[in-house]
N, C-alpha and C. Protein backbone atom coordinates (compact mmCIF):
# COMPACT_ATOMS: atom_id res chain seq x y z
N MET A 1 70.28 97.31 124.83
CA MET A 1 69.69 97.52 123.47
C MET A 1 70.30 96.39 122.51
N PRO A 2 69.52 95.59 121.91
CA PRO A 2 70.04 94.51 121.05
C PRO A 2 70.72 95.12 119.80
N GLN A 3 71.83 94.38 119.34
CA GLN A 3 72.58 94.79 118.23
C GLN A 3 71.88 94.24 117.05
N ASN A 4 71.88 95.06 115.97
CA ASN A 4 71.14 94.59 114.73
C ASN A 4 72.03 94.44 113.48
N GLY A 5 73.40 94.47 113.75
CA GLY A 5 74.33 94.30 112.70
C GLY A 5 74.31 92.84 112.22
N PHE A 6 74.96 92.64 111.01
CA PHE A 6 74.93 91.22 110.52
C PHE A 6 75.56 90.24 111.51
N TYR A 7 76.71 90.52 112.05
CA TYR A 7 77.41 89.53 112.90
C TYR A 7 76.64 89.33 114.13
N ALA A 8 75.95 90.32 114.70
CA ALA A 8 75.08 90.10 115.84
C ALA A 8 73.96 89.13 115.55
N LYS A 9 73.46 89.27 114.31
CA LYS A 9 72.31 88.37 113.89
C LYS A 9 72.93 86.92 113.72
N VAL A 10 74.11 86.81 113.22
CA VAL A 10 74.83 85.50 113.13
C VAL A 10 74.90 84.88 114.48
N ARG A 11 75.47 85.61 115.45
CA ARG A 11 75.64 85.09 116.75
C ARG A 11 74.33 84.69 117.45
N ARG A 12 73.23 85.39 117.20
CA ARG A 12 71.90 84.95 117.69
C ARG A 12 71.45 83.72 116.98
N GLY A 13 71.78 83.54 115.63
CA GLY A 13 71.36 82.44 114.95
C GLY A 13 72.04 81.11 115.11
N LEU A 14 73.26 81.24 115.67
CA LEU A 14 74.05 79.96 115.85
C LEU A 14 73.39 78.93 116.75
N PRO A 15 72.77 79.35 117.90
CA PRO A 15 72.15 78.38 118.71
C PRO A 15 70.87 77.65 117.99
N ALA A 16 70.21 78.42 117.21
CA ALA A 16 69.12 77.81 116.50
C ALA A 16 69.60 76.78 115.51
N ILE A 17 70.85 76.98 114.85
CA ILE A 17 71.40 75.94 114.01
C ILE A 17 71.63 74.65 114.70
N LEU A 18 72.23 74.82 115.92
CA LEU A 18 72.40 73.56 116.76
C LEU A 18 71.20 72.93 117.27
N SER A 19 70.17 73.74 117.52
CA SER A 19 68.83 73.17 117.93
C SER A 19 68.28 72.40 116.71
N ARG A 20 68.38 72.93 115.55
CA ARG A 20 67.88 72.21 114.35
C ARG A 20 68.61 70.97 114.16
N TRP A 21 69.95 70.91 114.47
CA TRP A 21 70.77 69.64 114.33
C TRP A 21 70.23 68.65 115.29
N LEU A 22 69.97 69.14 116.62
CA LEU A 22 69.38 68.18 117.59
C LEU A 22 68.01 67.65 117.23
N GLU A 23 67.21 68.50 116.55
CA GLU A 23 65.94 67.99 116.13
C GLU A 23 65.91 67.04 114.92
N GLN A 24 66.79 67.27 113.96
CA GLN A 24 66.85 66.57 112.81
C GLN A 24 67.80 65.40 112.80
N GLY A 25 68.83 65.48 113.58
CA GLY A 25 69.85 64.39 113.59
C GLY A 25 69.29 63.11 114.18
N ARG A 26 69.88 62.12 113.83
CA ARG A 26 69.45 60.77 114.27
C ARG A 26 70.36 60.37 115.49
N GLY A 27 69.76 60.19 116.65
CA GLY A 27 70.48 59.76 117.84
C GLY A 27 70.15 60.73 118.93
N ASP A 28 70.78 60.29 120.12
CA ASP A 28 70.56 61.17 121.34
C ASP A 28 71.57 62.30 121.28
N ALA A 29 71.35 63.24 122.23
CA ALA A 29 72.31 64.47 122.27
C ALA A 29 73.79 64.04 122.37
N ASP A 30 74.13 63.07 123.09
CA ASP A 30 75.51 62.66 123.21
C ASP A 30 76.09 62.18 121.85
N GLN A 31 75.30 61.32 121.17
CA GLN A 31 75.74 60.89 119.84
C GLN A 31 75.92 61.97 118.90
N LEU A 32 74.91 62.85 118.90
CA LEU A 32 74.90 64.04 117.96
C LEU A 32 76.07 64.97 118.25
N ALA A 33 76.48 65.10 119.52
CA ALA A 33 77.61 65.98 119.86
C ALA A 33 78.88 65.32 119.32
N LEU A 34 79.00 64.02 119.50
CA LEU A 34 80.11 63.21 118.92
C LEU A 34 80.31 63.34 117.50
N ILE A 35 79.14 63.13 116.79
CA ILE A 35 79.03 63.24 115.30
C ILE A 35 79.55 64.62 114.88
N LEU A 36 79.11 65.69 115.52
CA LEU A 36 79.46 67.04 115.24
C LEU A 36 80.96 67.21 115.37
N ALA A 37 81.52 66.84 116.39
CA ALA A 37 82.99 67.04 116.71
C ALA A 37 83.91 66.21 115.74
N GLU A 38 83.43 64.96 115.57
CA GLU A 38 84.21 64.06 114.59
C GLU A 38 84.11 64.60 113.09
N THR A 39 82.97 65.00 112.79
CA THR A 39 82.79 65.51 111.36
C THR A 39 83.56 66.80 111.24
N ALA A 40 83.60 67.63 112.21
CA ALA A 40 84.44 68.89 112.08
C ALA A 40 85.92 68.51 111.88
N ARG A 41 86.38 67.60 112.58
CA ARG A 41 87.81 67.14 112.47
C ARG A 41 88.05 66.57 111.13
N VAL A 42 87.22 65.63 110.74
CA VAL A 42 87.39 64.79 109.46
C VAL A 42 87.22 65.73 108.24
N ALA A 43 86.21 66.50 108.24
CA ALA A 43 85.90 67.35 107.11
C ALA A 43 86.74 68.65 107.07
N GLY A 44 87.57 68.93 108.05
CA GLY A 44 88.31 70.12 108.17
C GLY A 44 87.54 71.38 108.39
N LEU A 45 86.44 71.34 109.10
CA LEU A 45 85.57 72.44 109.39
C LEU A 45 85.88 73.16 110.69
N GLY A 46 86.86 72.61 111.40
CA GLY A 46 87.20 73.21 112.67
C GLY A 46 88.06 72.23 113.42
N HIS A 47 88.56 72.71 114.61
CA HIS A 47 89.38 71.90 115.43
C HIS A 47 88.92 72.02 116.87
N PRO A 48 87.78 71.23 117.15
CA PRO A 48 87.26 71.29 118.53
C PRO A 48 88.37 70.98 119.52
N GLU A 49 88.50 71.81 120.56
CA GLU A 49 89.47 71.52 121.65
C GLU A 49 89.11 70.25 122.49
N PHE A 50 87.82 69.98 122.48
CA PHE A 50 87.21 68.78 123.18
C PHE A 50 86.00 68.35 122.39
N THR A 51 85.57 67.13 122.70
CA THR A 51 84.43 66.61 122.14
C THR A 51 83.27 66.91 123.18
N PRO A 52 82.29 67.66 122.81
CA PRO A 52 81.25 68.02 123.77
C PRO A 52 80.35 66.86 124.11
N ASP A 53 79.80 66.92 125.23
CA ASP A 53 78.77 65.91 125.48
C ASP A 53 77.35 66.45 125.15
N GLY A 54 76.37 65.64 125.33
CA GLY A 54 75.03 66.01 124.89
C GLY A 54 74.55 67.32 125.78
N ALA A 55 74.89 67.35 126.97
CA ALA A 55 74.52 68.48 127.81
C ALA A 55 75.10 69.75 127.25
N THR A 56 76.28 69.74 126.93
CA THR A 56 76.98 70.86 126.33
C THR A 56 76.29 71.31 125.00
N LEU A 57 76.06 70.38 124.19
CA LEU A 57 75.46 70.64 122.90
C LEU A 57 73.93 71.23 123.11
N THR A 58 73.30 70.69 124.03
CA THR A 58 71.96 71.18 124.37
C THR A 58 72.03 72.58 124.94
N ARG A 59 72.97 72.94 125.79
CA ARG A 59 73.23 74.32 126.27
C ARG A 59 73.51 75.16 125.24
N TRP A 60 74.34 74.87 124.29
CA TRP A 60 74.68 75.71 123.16
C TRP A 60 73.42 76.01 122.34
N SER A 61 72.62 75.00 122.16
CA SER A 61 71.35 75.15 121.30
C SER A 61 70.29 75.98 122.05
N GLN A 62 70.39 76.31 123.20
CA GLN A 62 69.36 77.04 124.04
C GLN A 62 69.74 78.51 124.13
N GLY A 63 70.63 78.96 123.32
CA GLY A 63 70.92 80.40 123.37
C GLY A 63 72.19 80.79 124.09
N SER A 64 73.03 79.82 124.24
CA SER A 64 74.25 80.11 124.92
C SER A 64 75.11 81.10 124.08
N GLU A 65 75.84 81.91 124.81
CA GLU A 65 76.72 82.94 124.12
C GLU A 65 78.01 82.37 123.64
N ASP A 66 78.35 81.12 124.07
CA ASP A 66 79.62 80.62 123.72
C ASP A 66 79.62 79.48 122.70
N VAL A 67 78.73 79.52 121.79
CA VAL A 67 78.59 78.59 120.68
C VAL A 67 79.85 78.68 119.88
N PRO A 68 80.66 77.61 119.82
CA PRO A 68 81.89 77.69 118.90
C PRO A 68 81.51 77.62 117.41
N LEU A 69 82.16 78.45 116.66
CA LEU A 69 81.96 78.48 115.26
C LEU A 69 82.10 77.07 114.55
N TRP A 70 83.05 76.27 115.04
CA TRP A 70 83.20 74.98 114.34
C TRP A 70 81.94 74.19 114.44
N ALA A 71 81.20 74.30 115.61
CA ALA A 71 79.99 73.48 115.87
C ALA A 71 78.92 73.91 114.96
N ALA A 72 78.71 75.17 114.70
CA ALA A 72 77.63 75.67 113.80
C ALA A 72 78.04 75.41 112.37
N LYS A 73 79.34 75.68 112.01
CA LYS A 73 79.73 75.33 110.66
C LYS A 73 79.47 73.82 110.33
N THR A 74 79.76 73.01 111.24
CA THR A 74 79.54 71.53 111.05
C THR A 74 78.13 71.12 110.97
N ALA A 75 77.32 71.84 111.87
CA ALA A 75 75.88 71.48 111.79
C ALA A 75 75.26 71.92 110.45
N VAL A 76 75.68 73.11 109.94
CA VAL A 76 75.15 73.49 108.65
C VAL A 76 75.65 72.56 107.56
N PHE A 77 76.86 72.10 107.55
CA PHE A 77 77.39 71.16 106.61
C PHE A 77 76.57 69.92 106.66
N LEU A 78 76.14 69.44 107.81
CA LEU A 78 75.40 68.19 107.98
C LEU A 78 73.97 68.39 107.64
N LEU A 79 73.38 69.51 107.98
CA LEU A 79 71.94 69.81 107.79
C LEU A 79 71.70 69.89 106.23
N ILE A 80 72.56 70.63 105.60
CA ILE A 80 72.36 70.79 104.11
C ILE A 80 72.26 69.57 103.40
N GLN A 81 72.95 68.49 103.89
CA GLN A 81 72.94 67.14 103.22
C GLN A 81 71.79 66.33 103.57
N MET A 82 70.95 66.62 104.52
CA MET A 82 69.84 65.83 105.00
C MET A 82 68.71 65.70 104.00
N PRO A 83 68.21 64.47 103.83
CA PRO A 83 67.05 64.32 103.04
C PRO A 83 65.76 65.09 103.51
N ALA A 84 65.74 65.43 104.81
CA ALA A 84 64.53 66.09 105.32
C ALA A 84 64.53 67.49 104.84
N ARG A 85 65.55 68.02 104.26
CA ARG A 85 65.69 69.36 103.74
C ARG A 85 65.38 70.46 104.63
N PRO A 86 65.96 70.47 105.86
CA PRO A 86 65.71 71.59 106.79
C PRO A 86 66.07 72.96 106.31
N GLN A 87 65.46 73.95 106.76
CA GLN A 87 65.74 75.34 106.42
C GLN A 87 65.62 76.23 107.63
N PRO A 88 66.40 77.39 107.43
CA PRO A 88 66.24 78.27 108.61
C PRO A 88 64.85 78.92 108.82
N ASP A 89 64.45 79.09 110.02
CA ASP A 89 63.11 79.56 110.28
C ASP A 89 62.90 81.13 110.40
N ASN A 90 64.09 81.81 110.60
CA ASN A 90 63.94 83.26 110.82
C ASN A 90 65.21 83.95 110.29
N ASN A 91 65.24 85.15 110.27
CA ASN A 91 66.36 85.95 109.74
C ASN A 91 67.70 85.77 110.45
N ASP A 92 67.66 85.66 111.84
CA ASP A 92 68.91 85.37 112.65
C ASP A 92 69.44 84.05 112.21
N GLU A 93 68.59 83.09 112.16
CA GLU A 93 69.09 81.70 111.89
C GLU A 93 69.59 81.75 110.38
N ALA A 94 68.91 82.30 109.46
CA ALA A 94 69.38 82.39 108.08
C ALA A 94 70.70 83.12 107.99
N CYS A 95 70.96 84.11 108.78
CA CYS A 95 72.29 84.77 108.78
C CYS A 95 73.36 83.80 109.22
N GLY A 96 73.03 83.08 110.22
CA GLY A 96 73.97 82.01 110.86
C GLY A 96 74.24 81.02 109.73
N TRP A 97 73.19 80.46 109.04
CA TRP A 97 73.39 79.50 107.95
C TRP A 97 74.35 80.17 106.83
N ALA A 98 74.03 81.36 106.49
CA ALA A 98 74.78 81.93 105.38
C ALA A 98 76.20 82.17 105.74
N TYR A 99 76.44 82.63 106.94
CA TYR A 99 77.78 82.91 107.47
C TYR A 99 78.63 81.64 107.41
N CYS A 100 78.00 80.54 107.92
CA CYS A 100 78.67 79.25 108.02
C CYS A 100 78.94 78.70 106.57
N TRP A 101 77.96 78.90 105.68
CA TRP A 101 78.10 78.36 104.33
C TRP A 101 79.27 78.95 103.62
N LEU A 102 79.40 80.29 103.76
CA LEU A 102 80.53 80.98 103.11
C LEU A 102 81.93 80.62 103.77
N ARG A 103 81.90 80.20 104.93
CA ARG A 103 83.08 79.85 105.60
C ARG A 103 83.48 78.26 105.47
N ASN A 104 82.45 77.62 105.00
CA ASN A 104 82.73 76.20 104.77
C ASN A 104 83.38 75.84 103.45
N ARG A 105 83.18 76.69 102.49
CA ARG A 105 83.62 76.43 101.04
C ARG A 105 84.16 77.77 100.47
N HIS A 106 85.02 77.69 99.53
CA HIS A 106 85.45 78.92 98.84
C HIS A 106 84.58 79.16 97.72
N HIS A 107 84.10 80.43 97.51
CA HIS A 107 83.37 80.85 96.38
C HIS A 107 83.91 82.08 95.77
N ALA A 108 83.98 82.07 94.40
CA ALA A 108 84.45 83.25 93.74
C ALA A 108 83.61 84.47 93.95
N ASN A 109 82.30 84.31 93.96
CA ASN A 109 81.33 85.39 94.06
C ASN A 109 80.10 84.96 94.67
N LEU A 110 79.13 85.84 94.95
CA LEU A 110 77.84 85.52 95.49
C LEU A 110 77.07 84.64 94.71
N HIS A 111 77.03 84.85 93.43
CA HIS A 111 76.29 83.97 92.50
C HIS A 111 76.75 82.53 92.59
N GLU A 112 78.08 82.31 92.67
CA GLU A 112 78.59 80.93 92.78
C GLU A 112 78.19 80.36 94.10
N ALA A 113 78.27 81.18 95.13
CA ALA A 113 77.83 80.72 96.48
C ALA A 113 76.34 80.28 96.52
N LEU A 114 75.50 81.13 95.95
CA LEU A 114 74.13 80.74 95.89
C LEU A 114 73.86 79.53 94.98
N GLN A 115 74.48 79.44 93.89
CA GLN A 115 74.34 78.29 92.95
C GLN A 115 74.81 76.97 93.59
N ALA A 116 75.73 77.03 94.61
CA ALA A 116 76.27 75.83 95.18
C ALA A 116 75.31 75.23 96.30
N LEU A 117 74.33 76.08 96.71
CA LEU A 117 73.36 75.63 97.72
C LEU A 117 72.37 74.69 97.00
N PRO A 118 71.92 73.69 97.80
CA PRO A 118 70.92 72.87 97.24
C PRO A 118 69.64 73.56 96.80
N GLU A 119 68.93 73.18 95.86
CA GLU A 119 67.77 73.92 95.33
C GLU A 119 66.81 74.38 96.31
N HIS A 120 66.45 73.59 97.34
CA HIS A 120 65.46 74.01 98.29
C HIS A 120 65.96 75.16 99.19
N LEU A 121 67.23 75.31 99.25
CA LEU A 121 67.72 76.42 100.12
C LEU A 121 68.00 77.62 99.14
N ARG A 122 68.37 77.36 97.90
CA ARG A 122 68.54 78.44 96.92
C ARG A 122 67.36 79.24 96.69
N GLN A 123 66.21 78.73 96.81
CA GLN A 123 64.85 79.35 96.60
C GLN A 123 64.26 79.97 97.97
N GLN A 124 64.93 79.68 99.04
CA GLN A 124 64.42 80.19 100.33
C GLN A 124 64.68 81.74 100.42
N PRO A 125 63.66 82.65 100.42
CA PRO A 125 63.89 84.04 100.40
C PRO A 125 64.68 84.59 101.56
N THR A 126 64.42 84.09 102.77
CA THR A 126 65.20 84.66 103.94
C THR A 126 66.64 84.38 103.84
N LEU A 127 66.99 83.11 103.33
CA LEU A 127 68.38 82.69 103.17
C LEU A 127 69.06 83.41 102.10
N ARG A 128 68.28 83.61 101.01
CA ARG A 128 68.81 84.41 99.77
C ARG A 128 69.31 85.87 100.31
N ALA A 129 68.45 86.45 101.06
CA ALA A 129 68.80 87.81 101.55
C ALA A 129 69.98 87.77 102.48
N ALA A 130 69.89 86.73 103.39
CA ALA A 130 71.09 86.65 104.24
C ALA A 130 72.32 86.35 103.50
N MET A 131 72.31 85.60 102.52
CA MET A 131 73.56 85.28 101.76
C MET A 131 74.14 86.58 101.16
N ALA A 132 73.32 87.46 100.74
CA ALA A 132 73.88 88.81 100.23
C ALA A 132 74.54 89.56 101.32
N ASP A 133 73.95 89.57 102.46
CA ASP A 133 74.58 90.28 103.62
C ASP A 133 75.86 89.50 104.05
N ALA A 134 75.80 88.20 104.03
CA ALA A 134 77.01 87.36 104.47
C ALA A 134 78.11 87.58 103.45
N TRP A 135 77.78 87.66 102.10
CA TRP A 135 78.81 87.95 101.16
C TRP A 135 79.53 89.29 101.41
N GLN A 136 78.74 90.24 101.67
CA GLN A 136 79.30 91.59 101.95
C GLN A 136 80.12 91.59 103.16
N ASP A 137 79.76 90.92 104.19
CA ASP A 137 80.55 90.73 105.46
C ASP A 137 81.78 90.00 105.09
N HIS A 138 81.70 88.98 104.34
CA HIS A 138 82.88 88.07 103.93
C HIS A 138 83.91 88.87 103.14
N GLN A 139 83.38 89.71 102.16
CA GLN A 139 84.27 90.46 101.41
C GLN A 139 85.04 91.56 102.34
N GLY A 140 84.25 92.15 103.27
CA GLY A 140 84.82 93.12 104.14
C GLY A 140 85.91 92.52 105.03
N LEU A 141 85.77 91.27 105.41
CA LEU A 141 86.81 90.62 106.20
C LEU A 141 88.04 90.41 105.47
N ARG A 142 87.92 90.21 104.07
CA ARG A 142 89.11 90.03 103.25
C ARG A 142 89.95 91.32 103.12
N LEU A 143 89.32 92.40 103.42
CA LEU A 143 90.09 93.71 103.30
C LEU A 143 90.95 93.96 104.46
N ILE A 144 90.65 93.30 105.58
CA ILE A 144 91.40 93.52 106.82
C ILE A 144 92.75 92.93 106.72
C-alpha cells in the first residue's frame, strides 16, 4: 500500500526533480552530474561522498529509492534560476520542490518562504499547496 504522508510524497518527487534537471540542463548526463555535485559543494547545499556519473544521475531520475537529498536540493537550486522557468508537474514533484526549497534557505515563516520564490513559482497552485505542507513538516522537525 503506497504511503500518502508528506515525506512519502517528497521521496516519490525527488527522482522527478532530477529528471527535470536532465531535461532542462545544458550538457550530457555526465556533465550535468558533475555540475550538480560541484554546485552542491560550492553553494553549501550538501556534501556528496562522490561525484556521480551520468548513469548514476539517470538511475536516480528514473525512480530510484536512493536519491541523495543533496542532489535534489541542488537541482531545485539550479532549476529555480533557469530562464526556461521549469515548474513541478504533479503533487509529488511539487512536494519535493517545496521540501528542498525550505532546506536550501532559512525563512522566518511560510509567507517569507513563498515570497522568496520566483514569481512564476509563487503563482503555481500545486507548489503553493505543497509549500504549506512543507512548512508544517519543517516546523515539526524543529520540535524534535
